[in-house]
Amino acid sequence: MSYGQVARAAGSPHSARQVARILHSMSEKHNIPWHRIVNKKGELAIKDGDARYTQKLLLEEEGLCFEENGKVSLSHYQHFPDL
């Protein structure tokens, strides 16, 4: 899912940045799968090199394959929850 999708699913469609902040601050404490969230272009949005590498590694361990351009194929992997 993208940050925007999560925000819409939570009932606040203009809060993608808040989703990023919540994931950053609460993921470890609440065991939230933060690594499954990418930006709307299918890119890893994390700028920190170590965290970015960790996200990519976790996604690959779950069976996700990145395109040659380093993006996630949203047409293949994007999740649309039943709301």
Protein backbone atom coordinates (compact mmCIF):
# COMPACT_ATOMS: atom_id res chain seq x y z
CA MET A 1 0.00 0.00 0.00
CA SER A 2 1.02 3.60 -0.38
CA TYR A 3 1.07 6.15 2.42
CA GLY A 4 -1.92 7.84 0.82
CA GLN A 5 -3.88 4.59 0.67
CA VAL A 6 -3.29 4.00 4.37
CA ALA A 7 -4.42 7.56 5.12
CA ARG A 8 -7.60 7.08 3.06
CA ALA A 9 -8.31 3.73 4.73
CA ALA A 10 -7.95 5.45 8.11
CA GLY A 11 -10.51 8.07 7.06
CA SER A 12 -8.08 10.93 6.57
CA PRO A 13 -7.24 11.06 2.86
CA HIS A 14 -4.94 14.08 3.07
CA SER A 15 -2.74 12.68 5.84
CA ALA A 16 -0.09 10.64 4.04
CA ARG A 17 2.70 12.49 5.87
CA GLN A 18 1.11 11.73 9.22
CA VAL A 19 1.03 8.06 8.25
CA ALA A 20 4.78 8.23 7.66
CA ARG A 21 5.31 9.84 11.08
CA ILE A 22 3.15 7.27 12.85
CA LEU A 23 4.92 4.38 11.15
CA HIS A 24 8.29 5.86 12.08
CA SER A 25 7.41 6.42 15.72
CA MET A 26 5.11 3.48 16.51
CA SER A 27 6.17 0.54 14.33
CA GLU A 28 8.64 -1.06 16.68
CA LYS A 29 6.50 -0.66 19.80
CA HIS A 30 3.34 -2.02 18.14
CA ASN A 31 4.94 -4.44 15.65
CA ILE A 32 3.49 -2.58 12.64
CA PRO A 33 4.76 -3.87 9.25
CA TRP A 34 6.12 -0.44 8.24
CA HIS A 35 8.23 -1.93 5.47
CA ARG A 36 5.16 -2.74 3.37
CA ILE A 37 4.35 0.93 2.75
CA VAL A 38 5.83 2.69 -0.29
CA ASN A 39 5.11 6.01 -1.96
CA LYS A 40 2.50 6.42 -4.69
CA LYS A 41 5.15 5.85 -7.38
CA GLY A 42 6.15 2.47 -5.93
CA GLU A 43 9.39 3.87 -4.56
CA LEU A 44 10.94 3.31 -1.17
CA ALA A 45 10.44 6.70 0.44
CA ILE A 46 12.88 6.31 3.32
CA LYS A 47 15.97 8.46 2.80
CA ASP A 48 18.16 6.90 5.51
CA GLY A 49 20.44 4.38 3.78
CA ASP A 50 20.33 1.70 6.49
CA ALA A 51 16.56 1.87 6.94
CA ARG A 52 16.06 1.90 3.17
CA TYR A 53 18.23 -1.21 2.81
CA THR A 54 16.32 -2.90 5.64
CA GLN A 55 12.99 -2.13 3.99
CA LYS A 56 14.16 -3.54 0.66
CA LEU A 57 15.55 -6.65 2.34
CA LEU A 58 12.34 -7.28 4.31
CA LEU A 59 10.21 -6.93 1.20
CA GLU A 60 12.45 -9.30 -0.76
CA GLU A 61 12.30 -11.81 2.11
CA GLU A 62 8.51 -11.74 1.73
CA GLY A 63 8.87 -12.62 -1.96
CA LEU A 64 8.58 -9.18 -3.53
CA CYS A 65 10.73 -8.58 -6.60
CA PHE A 66 11.81 -5.06 -7.51
CA GLU A 67 11.75 -3.79 -11.07
CA GLU A 68 15.02 -2.86 -12.78
CA ASN A 69 14.41 0.80 -11.88
CA GLY A 70 14.27 -0.13 -8.17
CA LYS A 71 10.54 0.41 -7.87
CA VAL A 72 7.79 -1.88 -6.64
CA SER A 73 5.33 -2.88 -9.35
CA LEU A 74 2.14 -1.48 -7.87
CA SER A 75 0.09 -3.14 -10.59
CA HIS A 76 1.39 -6.47 -9.32
CA TYR A 77 1.81 -6.03 -5.56
CA GLN A 78 -0.48 -3.20 -4.45
CA HIS A 79 -3.04 -4.20 -1.83
CA PHE A 80 -6.55 -2.80 -1.81
CA PRO A 81 -8.22 -3.61 1.52
CA ASP A 82 -11.93 -4.23 1.79
CA LEU A 83 -13.32 -1.23 3.62
